[in-house]
Amino acid sequence: MIILQNNPVNIQKKFIVGSNEVHKCFDFAEELYSAKATSRKDHGNKGLEVRNKNDFIADNVRGKIAEFAFKQFLECNFKISFVVDLEIYPGEHNHDEGNDLSTIYINGEERRFDYKTDIKGLPKKGQWLLVESHKFWAQFFVVCRLNDIEDVNKFEENPFLYKNKEFCVSILGYCNNKRIVDKQEKTPRFKFVQNNRLYSSKVITALDNLLQGNQNILKLAQNNFQQNLNLAIKQVKEQDRYIGPLLKSELNYGYPVKWLRSDWQSFVKILDTKSSAIQAPKI
């Protein structure tokens, strides 16, 4: 059992992922691409062209760097650890069960954590957690910011420019899937289809004001939430409503980064109470 402080202070949230780990991320991504061990279709869409190598490498490298940073976060602040999975699973439909925290270590004890958790890496200016609808399998999403990726287009065009660098990564927060999709209505609160653009921070601020600072959106009826969102959009000048390029994916579920939870004590308690010891095989 982990002993948690009632009022945690000085939780470190910024970490350096060194060049050694970065090289491992690139080696993993390149081997994954060569082995055709996952879909190369652009954003998983059947109608889109095969993704180019650099775009594929950039996506996978960014995710693995985020995992290495979150591993440091848990070890530094809570003495919990996990292994960043760099194994290549053969075939597009074979995978690691989609759980970045499937095996964790608490007080040296190896445990299985069955709440599927997806660790995401955003560029420096990223304001949204985006999950493609066909990948919406996780129960928890952890979001990290890669501060050295100032120009995401440059990174995606040639990620190898960053291969010999270290990365400064900030741990932003987390949310569960019930925050993203209303389970009763089975509808995403923020839905972005192909060729949409993301809402700006001004729209989210206007929505916050309409909700009167109540971030517990689970208590709001889905229809009321959509009505408030539409009203918030209208309150912002048209030229200030949207950010970023047109989205490529057929359907994205979104969640504002500013709404992420940062009560890490609660997250760690879930890790502790919802994990079970892995029994050593009998000889």
C-alpha atoms as a PDB file:
ATOM      1  CA  MET A   1       0.000   0.000   0.000  1.00  0.00           C
ATOM      2  CA  ILE A   2       1.327   3.436  -0.937  1.00  0.00           C
ATOM      3  CA  ILE A   3       1.331   6.066   1.793  1.00  0.00           C
ATOM      4  CA  LEU A   4       0.086   9.297   0.193  1.00  0.00           C
ATOM      5  CA  GLN A   5       0.435  12.807   1.556  1.00  0.00           C
ATOM      6  CA  ASN A   6      -2.806  14.637   2.266  1.00  0.00           C
ATOM      7  CA  ASN A   7      -1.482  17.850   0.758  1.00  0.00           C
ATOM      8  CA  PRO A   8       1.229  16.970  -1.750  1.00  0.00           C
ATOM      9  CA  VAL A   9       3.640  19.766  -2.524  1.00  0.00           C
ATOM     10  CA  ASN A  10       6.550  20.194  -4.874  1.00  0.00           C
ATOM     11  CA  ILE A  11       5.488  17.520  -7.321  1.00  0.00           C
ATOM     12  CA  GLN A  12       8.053  17.662 -10.107  1.00  0.00           C
ATOM     13  CA  LYS A  13       6.346  17.857 -13.508  1.00  0.00           C
ATOM     14  CA  LYS A  14       9.171  18.644 -15.939  1.00  0.00           C
ATOM     15  CA  PHE A  15      11.737  16.071 -17.016  1.00  0.00           C
ATOM     16  CA  ILE A  16      14.549  15.575 -19.507  1.00  0.00           C
ATOM     17  CA  VAL A  17      14.425  12.517 -21.749  1.00  0.00           C
ATOM     18  CA  GLY A  18      18.066  11.988 -22.648  1.00  0.00           C
ATOM     19  CA  SER A  19      19.534  11.246 -26.047  1.00  0.00           C
ATOM     20  CA  ASN A  20      20.001   7.565 -25.147  1.00  0.00           C
ATOM     21  CA  GLU A  21      16.255   7.124 -24.596  1.00  0.00           C
ATOM     22  CA  VAL A  22      15.479   9.244 -27.661  1.00  0.00           C
ATOM     23  CA  HIS A  23      17.628   6.927 -29.790  1.00  0.00           C
ATOM     24  CA  LYS A  24      15.668   3.957 -28.422  1.00  0.00           C
ATOM     25  CA  CYS A  25      12.441   5.670 -29.479  1.00  0.00           C
ATOM     26  CA  PHE A  26      13.745   6.182 -33.013  1.00  0.00           C
ATOM     27  CA  ASP A  27      15.072   2.611 -33.238  1.00  0.00           C
ATOM     28  CA  PHE A  28      11.683   1.310 -32.123  1.00  0.00           C
ATOM     29  CA  ALA A  29       9.767   3.460 -34.615  1.00  0.00           C
ATOM     30  CA  GLU A  30      12.027   2.525 -37.528  1.00  0.00           C
ATOM     31  CA  GLU A  31      11.828  -1.178 -36.709  1.00  0.00           C
ATOM     32  CA  LEU A  32       8.067  -0.899 -36.358  1.00  0.00           C
ATOM     33  CA  TYR A  33       7.841   0.714 -39.781  1.00  0.00           C
ATOM     34  CA  SER A  34      10.125  -1.858 -41.413  1.00  0.00           C
ATOM     35  CA  ALA A  35       8.261  -4.771 -39.825  1.00  0.00           C
ATOM     36  CA  LYS A  36       4.870  -3.449 -40.980  1.00  0.00           C
ATOM     37  CA  ALA A  37       3.697  -4.281 -37.466  1.00  0.00           C
ATOM     38  CA  THR A  38       1.000  -1.621 -37.421  1.00  0.00           C
ATOM     39  CA  SER A  39      -1.212   0.087 -39.936  1.00  0.00           C
ATOM     40  CA  ARG A  40       0.613   2.529 -42.208  1.00  0.00           C
ATOM     41  CA  LYS A  41      -2.624   4.030 -43.453  1.00  0.00           C
ATOM     42  CA  ASP A  42      -2.747   7.736 -42.771  1.00  0.00           C
ATOM     43  CA  HIS A  43      -4.638   8.129 -39.483  1.00  0.00           C
ATOM     44  CA  GLY A  44      -6.074   4.631 -39.871  1.00  0.00           C
ATOM     45  CA  ASN A  45      -8.488   5.647 -42.640  1.00  0.00           C
ATOM     46  CA  LYS A  46      -9.169   3.096 -45.343  1.00  0.00           C
ATOM     47  CA  GLY A  47      -9.557   5.730 -48.025  1.00  0.00           C
ATOM     48  CA  LEU A  48      -6.314   7.572 -47.352  1.00  0.00           C
ATOM     49  CA  GLU A  49      -2.890   6.938 -48.786  1.00  0.00           C
ATOM     50  CA  VAL A  50      -0.198   5.044 -46.917  1.00  0.00           C
ATOM     51  CA  ARG A  51       1.579   7.386 -44.507  1.00  0.00           C
ATOM     52  CA  ASN A  52       5.078   8.420 -45.470  1.00  0.00           C
ATOM     53  CA  LYS A  53       7.908   7.101 -43.363  1.00  0.00           C
ATOM     54  CA  ASN A  54       8.805  10.369 -41.622  1.00  0.00           C
ATOM     55  CA  ASP A  55       5.229  11.031 -40.541  1.00  0.00           C
ATOM     56  CA  PHE A  56       4.975   7.482 -39.195  1.00  0.00           C
ATOM     57  CA  ILE A  57       8.309   7.777 -37.356  1.00  0.00           C
ATOM     58  CA  ALA A  58       7.390  11.170 -35.874  1.00  0.00           C
ATOM     59  CA  ASP A  59       4.083   9.891 -34.476  1.00  0.00           C
ATOM     60  CA  ASN A  60       5.601   6.861 -32.780  1.00  0.00           C
ATOM     61  CA  VAL A  61       8.698   8.676 -31.496  1.00  0.00           C
ATOM     62  CA  ARG A  62       6.589  11.378 -29.895  1.00  0.00           C
ATOM     63  CA  GLY A  63       4.491   8.814 -28.062  1.00  0.00           C
ATOM     64  CA  LYS A  64       7.454   6.839 -26.748  1.00  0.00           C
ATOM     65  CA  ILE A  65       9.273   9.963 -25.547  1.00  0.00           C
ATOM     66  CA  ALA A  66       6.131  10.844 -23.585  1.00  0.00           C
ATOM     67  CA  GLU A  67       6.186   7.372 -22.014  1.00  0.00           C
ATOM     68  CA  PHE A  68       9.821   7.750 -20.922  1.00  0.00           C
ATOM     69  CA  ALA A  69       8.991  11.130 -19.364  1.00  0.00           C
ATOM     70  CA  PHE A  70       5.942   9.798 -17.502  1.00  0.00           C
ATOM     71  CA  LYS A  71       8.034   6.904 -16.193  1.00  0.00           C
ATOM     72  CA  GLN A  72      10.421   9.474 -14.671  1.00  0.00           C
ATOM     73  CA  PHE A  73       7.447  11.382 -13.246  1.00  0.00           C
ATOM     74  CA  LEU A  74       6.073   8.356 -11.396  1.00  0.00           C
ATOM     75  CA  GLU A  75       9.482   7.225 -10.170  1.00  0.00           C
ATOM     76  CA  CYS A  76      10.518  10.672  -8.953  1.00  0.00           C
ATOM     77  CA  ASN A  77       7.294  11.633  -7.202  1.00  0.00           C
ATOM     78  CA  PHE A  78       5.676   8.366  -6.139  1.00  0.00           C
ATOM     79  CA  LYS A  79       8.305   5.601  -6.290  1.00  0.00           C
ATOM     80  CA  ILE A  80       6.215   3.770  -8.877  1.00  0.00           C
ATOM     81  CA  SER A  81       7.719   2.447 -12.074  1.00  0.00           C
ATOM     82  CA  PHE A  82       6.849   0.703 -15.316  1.00  0.00           C
ATOM     83  CA  VAL A  83       8.721  -0.544 -18.350  1.00  0.00           C
ATOM     84  CA  VAL A  84       8.418   1.428 -21.579  1.00  0.00           C
ATOM     85  CA  ASP A  85       7.416  -1.292 -24.045  1.00  0.00           C
ATOM     86  CA  LEU A  86       9.786  -1.306 -27.038  1.00  0.00           C
ATOM     87  CA  GLU A  87       8.863  -4.777 -28.226  1.00  0.00           C
ATOM     88  CA  ILE A  88       7.756  -5.249 -31.816  1.00  0.00           C
ATOM     89  CA  TYR A  89       4.646  -7.402 -32.110  1.00  0.00           C
ATOM     90  CA  PRO A  90       4.362  -9.128 -35.513  1.00  0.00           C
ATOM     91  CA  GLY A  91       1.334  -8.379 -37.664  1.00  0.00           C
ATOM     92  CA  GLU A  92      -0.961  -5.387 -37.773  1.00  0.00           C
ATOM     93  CA  HIS A  93      -3.493  -6.967 -35.427  1.00  0.00           C
ATOM     94  CA  ASN A  94      -1.066  -8.162 -32.771  1.00  0.00           C
ATOM     95  CA  HIS A  95      -0.291  -5.617 -30.082  1.00  0.00           C
ATOM     96  CA  ASP A  96       0.507  -5.024 -26.409  1.00  0.00           C
ATOM     97  CA  GLU A  97      -3.182  -4.989 -25.408  1.00  0.00           C
ATOM     98  CA  GLY A  98      -3.218  -1.215 -25.817  1.00  0.00           C
ATOM     99  CA  ASN A  99      -2.114  -0.466 -22.263  1.00  0.00           C
ATOM    100  CA  ASP A 100       1.006   1.613 -21.660  1.00  0.00           C
ATOM    101  CA  LEU A 101       0.790   0.786 -17.932  1.00  0.00           C
ATOM    102  CA  SER A 102      -0.123  -2.892 -18.168  1.00  0.00           C
ATOM    103  CA  THR A 103       2.660  -3.829 -15.738  1.00  0.00           C
ATOM    104  CA  ILE A 104       3.690  -1.481 -12.934  1.00  0.00           C
ATOM    105  CA  TYR A 105       6.022  -1.779  -9.952  1.00  0.00           C
ATOM    106  CA  ILE A 106       4.984  -0.530  -6.516  1.00  0.00           C
ATOM    107  CA  ASN A 107       7.438  -0.931  -3.633  1.00  0.00           C
ATOM    108  CA  GLY A 108       9.311  -3.371  -5.840  1.00  0.00           C
ATOM    109  CA  GLU A 109       6.244  -5.552  -6.325  1.00  0.00           C
ATOM    110  CA  GLU A 110       5.285  -6.385  -9.887  1.00  0.00           C
ATOM    111  CA  ARG A 111       1.613  -5.754 -10.503  1.00  0.00           C
ATOM    112  CA  ARG A 112      -0.870  -5.939 -13.337  1.00  0.00           C
ATOM    113  CA  PHE A 113      -2.928  -2.803 -13.966  1.00  0.00           C
ATOM    114  CA  ASP A 114      -5.996  -3.591 -16.050  1.00  0.00           C
ATOM    115  CA  TYR A 115      -7.277  -0.056 -16.611  1.00  0.00           C
ATOM    116  CA  LYS A 116      -6.016   0.577 -20.123  1.00  0.00           C
ATOM    117  CA  THR A 117      -3.950   3.755 -20.151  1.00  0.00           C
ATOM    118  CA  ASP A 118      -2.745   5.668 -23.202  1.00  0.00           C
ATOM    119  CA  ILE A 119       0.153   8.110 -22.716  1.00  0.00           C
ATOM    120  CA  LYS A 120       0.025  10.928 -25.269  1.00  0.00           C
ATOM    121  CA  GLY A 121       2.711  13.400 -26.339  1.00  0.00           C
ATOM    122  CA  LEU A 122       1.735  16.872 -27.559  1.00  0.00           C
ATOM    123  CA  PRO A 123       3.899  19.510 -29.262  1.00  0.00           C
ATOM    124  CA  LYS A 124       4.743  22.688 -27.375  1.00  0.00           C
ATOM    125  CA  LYS A 125       1.688  24.623 -28.545  1.00  0.00           C
ATOM    126  CA  GLY A 126      -0.774  21.715 -28.371  1.00  0.00           C
ATOM    127  CA  GLN A 127      -4.045  22.724 -26.704  1.00  0.00           C
ATOM    128  CA  TRP A 128      -6.079  19.560 -27.265  1.00  0.00           C
ATOM    129  CA  LEU A 129      -5.988  15.892 -26.416  1.00  0.00           C
ATOM    130  CA  LEU A 130      -7.150  14.234 -29.630  1.00  0.00           C
ATOM    131  CA  VAL A 131      -8.067  10.570 -29.941  1.00  0.00           C
ATOM    132  CA  GLU A 132      -9.014   9.045 -33.255  1.00  0.00           C
ATOM    133  CA  SER A 133     -12.377   7.312 -32.874  1.00  0.00           C
ATOM    134  CA  HIS A 134     -11.057   3.929 -34.015  1.00  0.00           C
ATOM    135  CA  LYS A 135      -8.394   4.112 -31.278  1.00  0.00           C
ATOM    136  CA  PHE A 136     -10.743   5.072 -28.449  1.00  0.00           C
ATOM    137  CA  TRP A 137     -10.063   1.997 -26.345  1.00  0.00           C
ATOM    138  CA  ALA A 138      -8.315   3.444 -23.272  1.00  0.00           C
ATOM    139  CA  GLN A 139      -9.970   4.145 -19.933  1.00  0.00           C
ATOM    140  CA  PHE A 140      -7.350   6.731 -18.958  1.00  0.00           C
ATOM    141  CA  PHE A 141      -5.358   9.207 -21.012  1.00  0.00           C
ATOM    142  CA  VAL A 142      -2.168  10.818 -19.707  1.00  0.00           C
ATOM    143  CA  VAL A 143      -0.970  13.898 -21.569  1.00  0.00           C
ATOM    144  CA  CYS A 144       2.612  15.167 -21.779  1.00  0.00           C
ATOM    145  CA  ARG A 145       4.000  18.192 -23.623  1.00  0.00           C
ATOM    146  CA  LEU A 146       7.223  17.895 -25.650  1.00  0.00           C
ATOM    147  CA  ASN A 147       8.494  21.446 -25.276  1.00  0.00           C
ATOM    148  CA  ASP A 148      11.200  21.087 -27.918  1.00  0.00           C
ATOM    149  CA  ILE A 149       8.698  20.469 -30.724  1.00  0.00           C
ATOM    150  CA  GLU A 150       7.852  24.098 -31.403  1.00  0.00           C
ATOM    151  CA  ASP A 151       6.950  23.517 -35.057  1.00  0.00           C
ATOM    152  CA  VAL A 152       4.982  20.280 -35.337  1.00  0.00           C
ATOM    153  CA  ASN A 153       5.008  20.402 -39.149  1.00  0.00           C
ATOM    154  CA  LYS A 154       8.805  20.592 -39.178  1.00  0.00           C
ATOM    155  CA  PHE A 155       9.005  17.643 -36.788  1.00  0.00           C
ATOM    156  CA  GLU A 156       6.636  15.530 -38.872  1.00  0.00           C
ATOM    157  CA  GLU A 157       8.400  16.397 -42.125  1.00  0.00           C
ATOM    158  CA  ASN A 158      11.823  15.360 -40.799  1.00  0.00           C
ATOM    159  CA  PRO A 159      11.877  13.935 -37.259  1.00  0.00           C
ATOM    160  CA  PHE A 160      15.478  12.772 -37.750  1.00  0.00           C
ATOM    161  CA  LEU A 161      16.607  16.359 -37.187  1.00  0.00           C
ATOM    162  CA  TYR A 162      15.723  15.707 -33.540  1.00  0.00           C
ATOM    163  CA  LYS A 163      17.296  12.269 -33.214  1.00  0.00           C
ATOM    164  CA  ASN A 164      20.473  13.368 -31.419  1.00  0.00           C
ATOM    165  CA  LYS A 165      18.734  15.806 -29.093  1.00  0.00           C
ATOM    166  CA  GLU A 166      17.333  15.467 -25.622  1.00  0.00           C
ATOM    167  CA  PHE A 167      13.737  16.447 -24.948  1.00  0.00           C
ATOM    168  CA  CYS A 168      12.289  18.577 -22.171  1.00  0.00           C
ATOM    169  CA  VAL A 169       8.850  17.156 -21.349  1.00  0.00           C
ATOM    170  CA  SER A 170       6.140  18.571 -19.081  1.00  0.00           C
ATOM    171  CA  ILE A 171       3.518  16.296 -17.522  1.00  0.00           C
ATOM    172  CA  LEU A 172       0.235  18.137 -18.072  1.00  0.00           C
ATOM    173  CA  GLY A 173      -2.488  15.954 -16.599  1.00  0.00           C
ATOM    174  CA  TYR A 174      -4.875  13.089 -17.200  1.00  0.00           C
ATOM    175  CA  CYS A 175      -8.530  12.289 -17.747  1.00  0.00           C
ATOM    176  CA  ASN A 176     -10.707   9.217 -18.001  1.00  0.00           C
ATOM    177  CA  ASN A 177     -12.754   8.312 -21.047  1.00  0.00           C
ATOM    178  CA  LYS A 178     -16.017   9.355 -19.361  1.00  0.00           C
ATOM    179  CA  ARG A 179     -14.808  12.934 -19.575  1.00  0.00           C
ATOM    180  CA  ILE A 180     -14.374  12.629 -23.327  1.00  0.00           C
ATOM    181  CA  VAL A 181     -17.468  10.634 -24.277  1.00  0.00           C
ATOM    182  CA  ASP A 182     -20.819  10.769 -22.546  1.00  0.00           C
ATOM    183  CA  LYS A 183     -21.379   7.073 -21.868  1.00  0.00           C
ATOM    184  CA  GLN A 184     -25.127   7.445 -21.488  1.00  0.00           C
ATOM    185  CA  GLU A 185     -25.556   9.297 -24.764  1.00  0.00           C
ATOM    186  CA  LYS A 186     -22.546   7.544 -26.372  1.00  0.00           C
ATOM    187  CA  THR A 187     -21.590  10.863 -27.908  1.00  0.00           C
ATOM    188  CA  PRO A 188     -18.251  12.692 -27.725  1.00  0.00           C
ATOM    189  CA  ARG A 189     -18.512  16.093 -26.088  1.00  0.00           C
ATOM    190  CA  PHE A 190     -16.068  17.548 -28.608  1.00  0.00           C
ATOM    191  CA  LYS A 191     -16.304  15.889 -32.009  1.00  0.00           C
ATOM    192  CA  PHE A 192     -14.082  16.856 -34.930  1.00  0.00           C
ATOM    193  CA  VAL A 193     -14.580  15.307 -38.368  1.00  0.00           C
ATOM    194  CA  GLN A 194     -12.262  15.398 -41.343  1.00  0.00           C
ATOM    195  CA  ASN A 195     -11.417  18.951 -42.503  1.00  0.00           C
ATOM    196  CA  ASN A 196     -12.598  20.489 -39.218  1.00  0.00           C
ATOM    197  CA  ARG A 197     -10.302  22.764 -37.246  1.00  0.00           C
ATOM    198  CA  LEU A 198      -9.913  22.798 -33.466  1.00  0.00           C
ATOM    199  CA  TYR A 199     -11.644  25.341 -31.266  1.00  0.00           C
ATOM    200  CA  SER A 200      -9.461  28.135 -29.926  1.00  0.00           C
ATOM    201  CA  SER A 201      -8.788  28.799 -26.260  1.00  0.00           C
ATOM    202  CA  LYS A 202     -11.179  31.766 -26.524  1.00  0.00           C
ATOM    203  CA  VAL A 203     -14.052  29.396 -27.297  1.00  0.00           C
ATOM    204  CA  ILE A 204     -13.166  27.190 -24.328  1.00  0.00           C
ATOM    205  CA  THR A 205     -12.928  30.261 -22.066  1.00  0.00           C
ATOM    206  CA  ALA A 206     -16.378  31.381 -23.232  1.00  0.00           C
ATOM    207  CA  LEU A 207     -17.683  27.868 -22.542  1.00  0.00           C
ATOM    208  CA  ASP A 208     -16.125  27.934 -19.073  1.00  0.00           C
ATOM    209  CA  ASN A 209     -17.967  31.154 -18.346  1.00  0.00           C
ATOM    210  CA  LEU A 210     -21.265  29.663 -19.511  1.00  0.00           C
ATOM    211  CA  LEU A 211     -20.736  26.672 -17.283  1.00  0.00           C
ATOM    212  CA  GLN A 212     -19.941  29.098 -14.440  1.00  0.00           C
ATOM    213  CA  GLY A 213     -16.636  27.431 -13.716  1.00  0.00           C
ATOM    214  CA  ASN A 214     -18.265  24.034 -13.169  1.00  0.00           C
ATOM    215  CA  GLN A 215     -15.764  21.594 -14.642  1.00  0.00           C
ATOM    216  CA  ASN A 216     -17.848  18.587 -13.562  1.00  0.00           C
ATOM    217  CA  ILE A 217     -19.390  18.330 -17.013  1.00  0.00           C
ATOM    218  CA  LEU A 218     -20.527  14.785 -16.227  1.00  0.00           C
ATOM    219  CA  LYS A 219     -23.455  16.346 -14.357  1.00  0.00           C
ATOM    220  CA  LEU A 220     -24.547  18.259 -17.434  1.00  0.00           C
ATOM    221  CA  ALA A 221     -26.997  16.694 -19.844  1.00  0.00           C
ATOM    222  CA  GLN A 222     -25.367  16.098 -23.216  1.00  0.00           C
ATOM    223  CA  ASN A 223     -27.877  18.302 -25.029  1.00  0.00           C
ATOM    224  CA  ASN A 224     -27.245  21.166 -22.603  1.00  0.00           C
ATOM    225  CA  PHE A 225     -23.518  20.815 -23.109  1.00  0.00           C
ATOM    226  CA  GLN A 226     -23.814  21.019 -26.887  1.00  0.00           C
ATOM    227  CA  GLN A 227     -26.130  23.997 -26.598  1.00  0.00           C
ATOM    228  CA  ASN A 228     -23.629  25.780 -24.377  1.00  0.00           C
ATOM    229  CA  LEU A 229     -20.787  24.925 -26.759  1.00  0.00           C
ATOM    230  CA  ASN A 230     -22.693  26.330 -29.730  1.00  0.00           C
ATOM    231  CA  LEU A 231     -23.458  29.487 -27.775  1.00  0.00           C
ATOM    232  CA  ALA A 232     -19.796  29.843 -26.753  1.00  0.00           C
ATOM    233  CA  ILE A 233     -18.703  29.581 -30.395  1.00  0.00           C
ATOM    234  CA  LYS A 234     -21.113  32.363 -31.375  1.00  0.00           C
ATOM    235  CA  GLN A 235     -19.760  34.595 -28.602  1.00  0.00           C
ATOM    236  CA  VAL A 236     -16.271  34.578 -30.153  1.00  0.00           C
ATOM    237  CA  LYS A 237     -15.396  36.557 -33.276  1.00  0.00           C
ATOM    238  CA  GLU A 238     -15.378  34.311 -36.316  1.00  0.00           C
ATOM    239  CA  GLN A 239     -11.690  34.885 -37.053  1.00  0.00           C
ATOM    240  CA  ASP A 240     -10.796  33.858 -33.465  1.00  0.00           C
ATOM    241  CA  ARG A 241     -12.834  30.668 -33.210  1.00  0.00           C
ATOM    242  CA  TYR A 242     -10.429  28.091 -34.608  1.00  0.00           C
ATOM    243  CA  ILE A 243      -6.758  27.129 -34.525  1.00  0.00           C
ATOM    244  CA  GLY A 244      -4.421  24.840 -36.415  1.00  0.00           C
ATOM    245  CA  PRO A 245      -4.658  23.110 -39.795  1.00  0.00           C
ATOM    246  CA  LEU A 246      -7.526  21.055 -41.186  1.00  0.00           C
ATOM    247  CA  LEU A 247      -7.751  17.655 -39.504  1.00  0.00           C
ATOM    248  CA  LYS A 248      -7.117  14.548 -41.603  1.00  0.00           C
ATOM    249  CA  SER A 249      -8.806  11.885 -39.511  1.00  0.00           C
ATOM    250  CA  GLU A 250     -12.382  10.888 -40.329  1.00  0.00           C
ATOM    251  CA  LEU A 251     -13.425  11.359 -36.689  1.00  0.00           C
ATOM    252  CA  ASN A 252     -11.533  12.675 -33.672  1.00  0.00           C
ATOM    253  CA  TYR A 253     -12.708  12.857 -30.080  1.00  0.00           C
ATOM    254  CA  GLY A 254     -11.245  15.917 -28.373  1.00  0.00           C
ATOM    255  CA  TYR A 255     -10.693  17.250 -24.885  1.00  0.00           C
ATOM    256  CA  PRO A 256      -9.157  20.619 -23.928  1.00  0.00           C
ATOM    257  CA  VAL A 257      -5.765  20.369 -22.261  1.00  0.00           C
ATOM    258  CA  LYS A 258      -6.804  23.063 -19.772  1.00  0.00           C
ATOM    259  CA  TRP A 259      -9.537  20.715 -18.499  1.00  0.00           C
ATOM    260  CA  LEU A 260      -7.165  17.854 -17.677  1.00  0.00           C
ATOM    261  CA  ARG A 261      -7.034  16.686 -14.074  1.00  0.00           C
ATOM    262  CA  SER A 262      -3.823  17.318 -12.135  1.00  0.00           C
ATOM    263  CA  ASP A 263      -4.713  15.658  -8.828  1.00  0.00           C
ATOM    264  CA  TRP A 264      -2.018  13.045  -9.251  1.00  0.00           C
ATOM    265  CA  GLN A 265      -2.584  11.653  -5.770  1.00  0.00           C
ATOM    266  CA  SER A 266      -5.952  10.362  -6.996  1.00  0.00           C
ATOM    267  CA  PHE A 267      -4.392   8.828 -10.074  1.00  0.00           C
ATOM    268  CA  VAL A 268      -1.722   7.083  -8.029  1.00  0.00           C
ATOM    269  CA  LYS A 269      -4.377   5.790  -5.626  1.00  0.00           C
ATOM    270  CA  ILE A 270      -6.127   4.202  -8.606  1.00  0.00           C
ATOM    271  CA  LEU A 271      -2.841   2.606  -9.668  1.00  0.00           C
ATOM    272  CA  ASP A 272      -2.421   1.226  -6.163  1.00  0.00           C
ATOM    273  CA  THR A 273      -5.948  -0.007  -5.452  1.00  0.00           C
ATOM    274  CA  LYS A 274      -6.845  -1.253  -8.923  1.00  0.00           C
ATOM    275  CA  SER A 275      -3.709  -3.257  -9.600  1.00  0.00           C
ATOM    276  CA  SER A 276      -3.034  -6.824  -8.549  1.00  0.00           C
ATOM    277  CA  ALA A 277       0.158  -8.673  -7.769  1.00  0.00           C
ATOM    278  CA  ILE A 278       1.547 -10.880 -10.520  1.00  0.00           C
ATOM    279  CA  GLN A 279       2.216 -14.330  -9.162  1.00  0.00           C
ATOM    280  CA  ALA A 280       5.483 -15.946 -10.136  1.00  0.00           C
ATOM    281  CA  PRO A 281       4.957 -19.136 -12.159  1.00  0.00           C
ATOM    282  CA  LYS A 282       5.299 -22.353 -10.205  1.00  0.00           C
ATOM    283  CA  ILE A 283       8.295 -24.491 -11.102  1.00  0.00           C
END
